[in-house]
Amino acid sequence: MTAAVYNLYIEQGATFQKTLTWKDSSGVAIDLTGYTARMQFRRSAASAEVLYTASTTNGDITLGGVAGTIAIVISATDTAAFDFGCAAYDLEVESAGGIVYRLLEGGVEVSLEVTRGV
């Protein structure tokens, strides 16, 4: 399975929310019970520096079990701290058996916040 390309647009200082549904080739939702998920932002795919990590471990990603949903929520406090305009990311899910699937990859564009500290 090849990762789909999907670019993210994040408004600095605002809560970012995106919900996806992972489906098989027949359009049936994949049961994510027992899975974990992780996503990192880096200046480029080859960069050693991690700009941000979202995961089921830190609570930024919630998996919807039999519904196959992957909900990503990054708080306004966290996006306010983003000090980059563009980055690269990918999203991986891992089964309880240790099989890793790379579902998405792409760019992250951050729209800088104008209203601050009011």
C-alpha atoms as a PDB file:
ATOM      1  CA  MET A   1       0.000   0.000   0.000  1.00  0.00           C
ATOM      2  CA  THR A   2       1.368   3.402  -0.967  1.00  0.00           C
ATOM      3  CA  ALA A   3       0.824   6.395   1.303  1.00  0.00           C
ATOM      4  CA  ALA A   4      -1.647   8.919  -0.088  1.00  0.00           C
ATOM      5  CA  VAL A   5      -0.425  12.488  -0.527  1.00  0.00           C
ATOM      6  CA  TYR A   6      -2.462  14.984   1.469  1.00  0.00           C
ATOM      7  CA  ASN A   7      -1.273  18.465   2.404  1.00  0.00           C
ATOM      8  CA  LEU A   8      -2.224  20.004   5.754  1.00  0.00           C
ATOM      9  CA  TYR A   9      -3.071  23.672   6.266  1.00  0.00           C
ATOM     10  CA  ILE A  10      -2.793  24.797   9.897  1.00  0.00           C
ATOM     11  CA  GLU A  11      -3.731  28.202  11.266  1.00  0.00           C
ATOM     12  CA  GLN A  12      -1.261  29.220  13.979  1.00  0.00           C
ATOM     13  CA  GLY A  13      -3.040  29.884  17.290  1.00  0.00           C
ATOM     14  CA  ALA A  14      -6.194  27.984  16.262  1.00  0.00           C
ATOM     15  CA  THR A  15      -7.184  24.417  17.085  1.00  0.00           C
ATOM     16  CA  PHE A  16      -6.430  22.095  14.161  1.00  0.00           C
ATOM     17  CA  GLN A  17      -8.929  19.267  13.653  1.00  0.00           C
ATOM     18  CA  LYS A  18      -8.985  16.636  10.919  1.00  0.00           C
ATOM     19  CA  THR A  19     -10.824  13.303  10.903  1.00  0.00           C
ATOM     20  CA  LEU A  20     -10.058  10.633   8.340  1.00  0.00           C
ATOM     21  CA  THR A  21     -11.482   7.173   7.742  1.00  0.00           C
ATOM     22  CA  TRP A  22      -9.194   4.341   6.649  1.00  0.00           C
ATOM     23  CA  LYS A  23     -11.030   2.016   4.259  1.00  0.00           C
ATOM     24  CA  ASP A  24     -10.056  -1.077   2.320  1.00  0.00           C
ATOM     25  CA  SER A  25     -10.266  -1.317  -1.479  1.00  0.00           C
ATOM     26  CA  SER A  26     -13.974  -2.273  -1.190  1.00  0.00           C
ATOM     27  CA  GLY A  27     -14.759   0.911   0.764  1.00  0.00           C
ATOM     28  CA  VAL A  28     -15.197  -0.886   4.099  1.00  0.00           C
ATOM     29  CA  ALA A  29     -13.750   0.817   7.186  1.00  0.00           C
ATOM     30  CA  ILE A  30     -10.718  -0.947   8.647  1.00  0.00           C
ATOM     31  CA  ASP A  31     -11.092  -1.883  12.313  1.00  0.00           C
ATOM     32  CA  LEU A  32      -8.429   0.071  14.222  1.00  0.00           C
ATOM     33  CA  THR A  33      -9.074  -1.629  17.574  1.00  0.00           C
ATOM     34  CA  GLY A  34      -5.698  -2.245  19.211  1.00  0.00           C
ATOM     35  CA  TYR A  35      -3.834   0.041  16.798  1.00  0.00           C
ATOM     36  CA  THR A  36      -1.679   3.062  17.640  1.00  0.00           C
ATOM     37  CA  ALA A  37      -0.902   6.051  15.432  1.00  0.00           C
ATOM     38  CA  ARG A  38       1.833   8.635  15.165  1.00  0.00           C
ATOM     39  CA  MET A  39       2.647  11.655  13.021  1.00  0.00           C
ATOM     40  CA  GLN A  40       5.685  13.957  12.954  1.00  0.00           C
ATOM     41  CA  PHE A  41       6.398  17.333  11.366  1.00  0.00           C
ATOM     42  CA  ARG A  42       9.969  18.018  10.166  1.00  0.00           C
ATOM     43  CA  ARG A  43      11.433  20.848   8.055  1.00  0.00           C
ATOM     44  CA  SER A  44      12.037  18.223   5.346  1.00  0.00           C
ATOM     45  CA  ALA A  45      11.630  14.467   5.197  1.00  0.00           C
ATOM     46  CA  ALA A  46      15.391  14.073   5.664  1.00  0.00           C
ATOM     47  CA  SER A  47      15.650  16.487   8.614  1.00  0.00           C
ATOM     48  CA  ALA A  48      16.739  15.071  11.976  1.00  0.00           C
ATOM     49  CA  GLU A  49      14.873  17.818  13.859  1.00  0.00           C
ATOM     50  CA  VAL A  50      11.321  16.957  14.900  1.00  0.00           C
ATOM     51  CA  LEU A  51       9.140  20.083  14.948  1.00  0.00           C
ATOM     52  CA  TYR A  52       6.026  18.404  16.365  1.00  0.00           C
ATOM     53  CA  THR A  53       4.760  14.943  17.246  1.00  0.00           C
ATOM     54  CA  ALA A  54       1.118  13.903  17.412  1.00  0.00           C
ATOM     55  CA  SER A  55       0.237  10.392  18.555  1.00  0.00           C
ATOM     56  CA  THR A  56      -2.267   8.203  20.308  1.00  0.00           C
ATOM     57  CA  THR A  57       0.212   8.207  23.207  1.00  0.00           C
ATOM     58  CA  ASN A  58       0.131  11.994  23.700  1.00  0.00           C
ATOM     59  CA  GLY A  59      -3.611  12.243  22.966  1.00  0.00           C
ATOM     60  CA  ASP A  60      -3.405  14.296  19.765  1.00  0.00           C
ATOM     61  CA  ILE A  61      -4.650  11.311  17.728  1.00  0.00           C
ATOM     62  CA  THR A  62      -7.718   9.258  18.614  1.00  0.00           C
ATOM     63  CA  LEU A  63      -8.605   6.068  16.760  1.00  0.00           C
ATOM     64  CA  GLY A  64     -12.247   5.106  16.263  1.00  0.00           C
ATOM     65  CA  GLY A  65     -12.018   1.315  16.454  1.00  0.00           C
ATOM     66  CA  VAL A  66     -14.471  -0.427  14.107  1.00  0.00           C
ATOM     67  CA  ALA A  67     -15.446   2.898  12.494  1.00  0.00           C
ATOM     68  CA  GLY A  68     -11.909   3.157  11.088  1.00  0.00           C
ATOM     69  CA  THR A  69     -11.614   6.826  11.982  1.00  0.00           C
ATOM     70  CA  ILE A  70      -8.427   8.685  12.789  1.00  0.00           C
ATOM     71  CA  ALA A  71      -9.085  11.996  14.543  1.00  0.00           C
ATOM     72  CA  ILE A  72      -6.189  14.447  14.756  1.00  0.00           C
ATOM     73  CA  VAL A  73      -6.603  17.400  17.122  1.00  0.00           C
ATOM     74  CA  ILE A  74      -3.764  19.836  17.808  1.00  0.00           C
ATOM     75  CA  SER A  75      -4.579  22.433  20.455  1.00  0.00           C
ATOM     76  CA  ALA A  76      -4.532  26.175  19.831  1.00  0.00           C
ATOM     77  CA  THR A  77      -1.769  26.447  22.444  1.00  0.00           C
ATOM     78  CA  ASP A  78       0.375  23.985  20.503  1.00  0.00           C
ATOM     79  CA  THR A  79      -0.241  25.576  17.088  1.00  0.00           C
ATOM     80  CA  ALA A  80       0.511  29.026  18.574  1.00  0.00           C
ATOM     81  CA  ALA A  81       4.015  27.752  19.324  1.00  0.00           C
ATOM     82  CA  PHE A  82       4.642  26.660  15.710  1.00  0.00           C
ATOM     83  CA  ASP A  83       7.577  28.768  14.543  1.00  0.00           C
ATOM     84  CA  PHE A  84       7.801  27.348  11.022  1.00  0.00           C
ATOM     85  CA  GLY A  85       5.936  28.203   7.843  1.00  0.00           C
ATOM     86  CA  CYS A  86       6.301  24.897   6.021  1.00  0.00           C
ATOM     87  CA  ALA A  87       7.175  21.346   6.976  1.00  0.00           C
ATOM     88  CA  ALA A  88       6.857  17.752   5.823  1.00  0.00           C
ATOM     89  CA  TYR A  89       4.863  15.049   7.636  1.00  0.00           C
ATOM     90  CA  ASP A  90       3.647  11.514   7.448  1.00  0.00           C
ATOM     91  CA  LEU A  91       1.036   9.556   9.384  1.00  0.00           C
ATOM     92  CA  GLU A  92       1.637   5.958  10.439  1.00  0.00           C
ATOM     93  CA  VAL A  93      -0.615   3.451  12.157  1.00  0.00           C
ATOM     94  CA  GLU A  94       0.663   0.298  13.823  1.00  0.00           C
ATOM     95  CA  SER A  95      -1.312  -2.860  14.484  1.00  0.00           C
ATOM     96  CA  ALA A  96      -1.155  -4.702  17.802  1.00  0.00           C
ATOM     97  CA  GLY A  97       0.976  -7.257  15.933  1.00  0.00           C
ATOM     98  CA  GLY A  98       3.590  -4.619  15.033  1.00  0.00           C
ATOM     99  CA  ILE A  99       2.717  -4.091  11.363  1.00  0.00           C
ATOM    100  CA  VAL A 100       3.243  -0.424  10.423  1.00  0.00           C
ATOM    101  CA  TYR A 101       1.190   1.215   7.671  1.00  0.00           C
ATOM    102  CA  ARG A 102       2.158   4.630   6.333  1.00  0.00           C
ATOM    103  CA  LEU A 103      -1.226   6.098   5.394  1.00  0.00           C
ATOM    104  CA  LEU A 104      -0.497   9.721   4.518  1.00  0.00           C
ATOM    105  CA  GLU A 105       2.387  11.986   3.627  1.00  0.00           C
ATOM    106  CA  GLY A 106       2.683  15.541   2.439  1.00  0.00           C
ATOM    107  CA  GLY A 107       3.392  19.109   3.316  1.00  0.00           C
ATOM    108  CA  VAL A 108       2.305  21.228   6.238  1.00  0.00           C
ATOM    109  CA  GLU A 109       1.659  24.919   5.671  1.00  0.00           C
ATOM    110  CA  VAL A 110       1.246  27.142   8.707  1.00  0.00           C
ATOM    111  CA  SER A 111      -0.673  30.392   8.312  1.00  0.00           C
ATOM    112  CA  LEU A 112       0.839  32.829  10.809  1.00  0.00           C
ATOM    113  CA  GLU A 113      -1.399  34.274  13.502  1.00  0.00           C
ATOM    114  CA  VAL A 114      -1.911  38.040  13.505  1.00  0.00           C
ATOM    115  CA  THR A 115      -4.020  38.500  16.657  1.00  0.00           C
ATOM    116  CA  ARG A 116      -1.895  37.584  19.675  1.00  0.00           C
ATOM    117  CA  GLY A 117      -1.857  38.279  23.393  1.00  0.00           C
ATOM    118  CA  VAL A 118      -5.261  39.934  23.770  1.00  0.00           C
END
